[in-house]
Amino acid sequence: MMSRRQLTLSVSSIALVVVTGMLLLLGQLRNLVLTAMIALVVAVALGPLVDLAERLCIPGWLGVVAIVQGGWTFL
């Protein structure tokens, strides 16, 4: 004859698992928001330089590549 096992979970252990999951999710969300903010700052900073490159008849994508490459070279 097989015996039945009973699983007992307390409210505090369930709450601990839920809170831990929410904290991990918030940490990932914070990283995502931080990355988006950095991308926005870089895009706004490059805007005037890309406009200048387009006025000099350089395609926008090539202007971005040249500006970013020049920035990495400078660093």
C-alpha atoms as a PDB file:
ATOM      1  CA  MET A   1       0.000   0.000   0.000  1.00  0.00           C
ATOM      2  CA  MET A   2       1.321   3.439  -0.935  1.00  0.00           C
ATOM      3  CA  SER A   3       1.351   6.184   1.618  1.00  0.00           C
ATOM      4  CA  ARG A   4       0.206   9.688   0.695  1.00  0.00           C
ATOM      5  CA  ARG A   5       2.546  12.563   1.279  1.00  0.00           C
ATOM      6  CA  GLN A   6       1.153  15.883   2.245  1.00  0.00           C
ATOM      7  CA  LEU A   7       2.782  19.132   1.215  1.00  0.00           C
ATOM      8  CA  THR A   8       2.296  22.008   3.590  1.00  0.00           C
ATOM      9  CA  LEU A   9       3.159  25.555   2.543  1.00  0.00           C
ATOM     10  CA  SER A  10       2.899  28.426   4.908  1.00  0.00           C
ATOM     11  CA  VAL A  11       1.737  31.852   3.829  1.00  0.00           C
ATOM     12  CA  SER A  12       5.110  33.306   4.775  1.00  0.00           C
ATOM     13  CA  SER A  13       7.029  30.927   2.495  1.00  0.00           C
ATOM     14  CA  ILE A  14       4.703  31.680  -0.420  1.00  0.00           C
ATOM     15  CA  ALA A  15       5.054  35.414   0.256  1.00  0.00           C
ATOM     16  CA  LEU A  16       8.844  35.037   0.365  1.00  0.00           C
ATOM     17  CA  VAL A  17       8.896  33.356  -3.044  1.00  0.00           C
ATOM     18  CA  VAL A  18       6.579  35.993  -4.538  1.00  0.00           C
ATOM     19  CA  VAL A  19       8.557  38.923  -3.103  1.00  0.00           C
ATOM     20  CA  THR A  20      11.862  37.429  -4.254  1.00  0.00           C
ATOM     21  CA  GLY A  21      10.483  36.973  -7.764  1.00  0.00           C
ATOM     22  CA  MET A  22       9.204  40.538  -7.850  1.00  0.00           C
ATOM     23  CA  LEU A  23      12.577  41.905  -6.693  1.00  0.00           C
ATOM     24  CA  LEU A  24      14.383  39.950  -9.393  1.00  0.00           C
ATOM     25  CA  LEU A  25      11.931  41.235 -11.997  1.00  0.00           C
ATOM     26  CA  LEU A  26      12.366  44.818 -10.811  1.00  0.00           C
ATOM     27  CA  GLY A  27      16.145  44.443 -11.040  1.00  0.00           C
ATOM     28  CA  GLN A  28      15.867  43.316 -14.645  1.00  0.00           C
ATOM     29  CA  LEU A  29      13.407  46.097 -15.415  1.00  0.00           C
ATOM     30  CA  ARG A  30      15.785  48.658 -13.894  1.00  0.00           C
ATOM     31  CA  ASN A  31      18.573  47.441 -16.203  1.00  0.00           C
ATOM     32  CA  LEU A  32      16.255  47.722 -19.194  1.00  0.00           C
ATOM     33  CA  VAL A  33      15.190  51.275 -18.301  1.00  0.00           C
ATOM     34  CA  LEU A  34      18.805  52.303 -17.695  1.00  0.00           C
ATOM     35  CA  THR A  35      19.853  50.946 -21.097  1.00  0.00           C
ATOM     36  CA  ALA A  36      16.976  52.776 -22.807  1.00  0.00           C
ATOM     37  CA  MET A  37      17.898  56.047 -21.082  1.00  0.00           C
ATOM     38  CA  ILE A  38      21.540  55.757 -22.150  1.00  0.00           C
ATOM     39  CA  ALA A  39      20.454  55.040 -25.731  1.00  0.00           C
ATOM     40  CA  LEU A  40      18.183  58.087 -25.665  1.00  0.00           C
ATOM     41  CA  VAL A  41      20.979  60.361 -24.409  1.00  0.00           C
ATOM     42  CA  VAL A  42      23.356  59.073 -27.090  1.00  0.00           C
ATOM     43  CA  ALA A  43      20.722  59.558 -29.815  1.00  0.00           C
ATOM     44  CA  VAL A  44      19.995  63.123 -28.688  1.00  0.00           C
ATOM     45  CA  ALA A  45      23.710  63.908 -28.467  1.00  0.00           C
ATOM     46  CA  LEU A  46      24.381  62.592 -31.980  1.00  0.00           C
ATOM     47  CA  GLY A  47      21.396  64.360 -33.550  1.00  0.00           C
ATOM     48  CA  PRO A  48      23.056  67.713 -34.359  1.00  0.00           C
ATOM     49  CA  LEU A  49      26.187  66.030 -35.725  1.00  0.00           C
ATOM     50  CA  VAL A  50      24.135  63.766 -37.978  1.00  0.00           C
ATOM     51  CA  ASP A  51      22.170  66.798 -39.211  1.00  0.00           C
ATOM     52  CA  LEU A  52      25.453  68.506 -40.064  1.00  0.00           C
ATOM     53  CA  ALA A  53      26.645  65.398 -41.907  1.00  0.00           C
ATOM     54  CA  GLU A  54      23.392  65.297 -43.917  1.00  0.00           C
ATOM     55  CA  ARG A  55      23.794  68.965 -44.862  1.00  0.00           C
ATOM     56  CA  LEU A  56      27.245  68.034 -46.193  1.00  0.00           C
ATOM     57  CA  CYS A  57      25.534  65.414 -48.422  1.00  0.00           C
ATOM     58  CA  ILE A  58      26.678  62.480 -46.306  1.00  0.00           C
ATOM     59  CA  PRO A  59      23.946  59.867 -45.735  1.00  0.00           C
ATOM     60  CA  GLY A  60      22.644  59.752 -42.167  1.00  0.00           C
ATOM     61  CA  TRP A  61      23.709  56.175 -41.474  1.00  0.00           C
ATOM     62  CA  LEU A  62      27.236  56.899 -42.724  1.00  0.00           C
ATOM     63  CA  GLY A  63      27.385  60.026 -40.588  1.00  0.00           C
ATOM     64  CA  VAL A  64      26.430  58.021 -37.506  1.00  0.00           C
ATOM     65  CA  VAL A  65      29.046  55.371 -38.272  1.00  0.00           C
ATOM     66  CA  ALA A  66      31.732  58.022 -38.806  1.00  0.00           C
ATOM     67  CA  ILE A  67      30.815  59.926 -35.639  1.00  0.00           C
ATOM     68  CA  VAL A  68      30.674  56.829 -33.446  1.00  0.00           C
ATOM     69  CA  GLN A  69      33.879  55.429 -34.906  1.00  0.00           C
ATOM     70  CA  GLY A  70      35.598  58.772 -34.396  1.00  0.00           C
ATOM     71  CA  GLY A  71      34.342  58.841 -30.804  1.00  0.00           C
ATOM     72  CA  TRP A  72      35.723  55.386 -30.075  1.00  0.00           C
ATOM     73  CA  THR A  73      39.011  56.344 -31.679  1.00  0.00           C
ATOM     74  CA  PHE A  74      39.140  59.453 -29.516  1.00  0.00           C
ATOM     75  CA  LEU A  75      38.595  57.446 -26.328  1.00  0.00           C
END
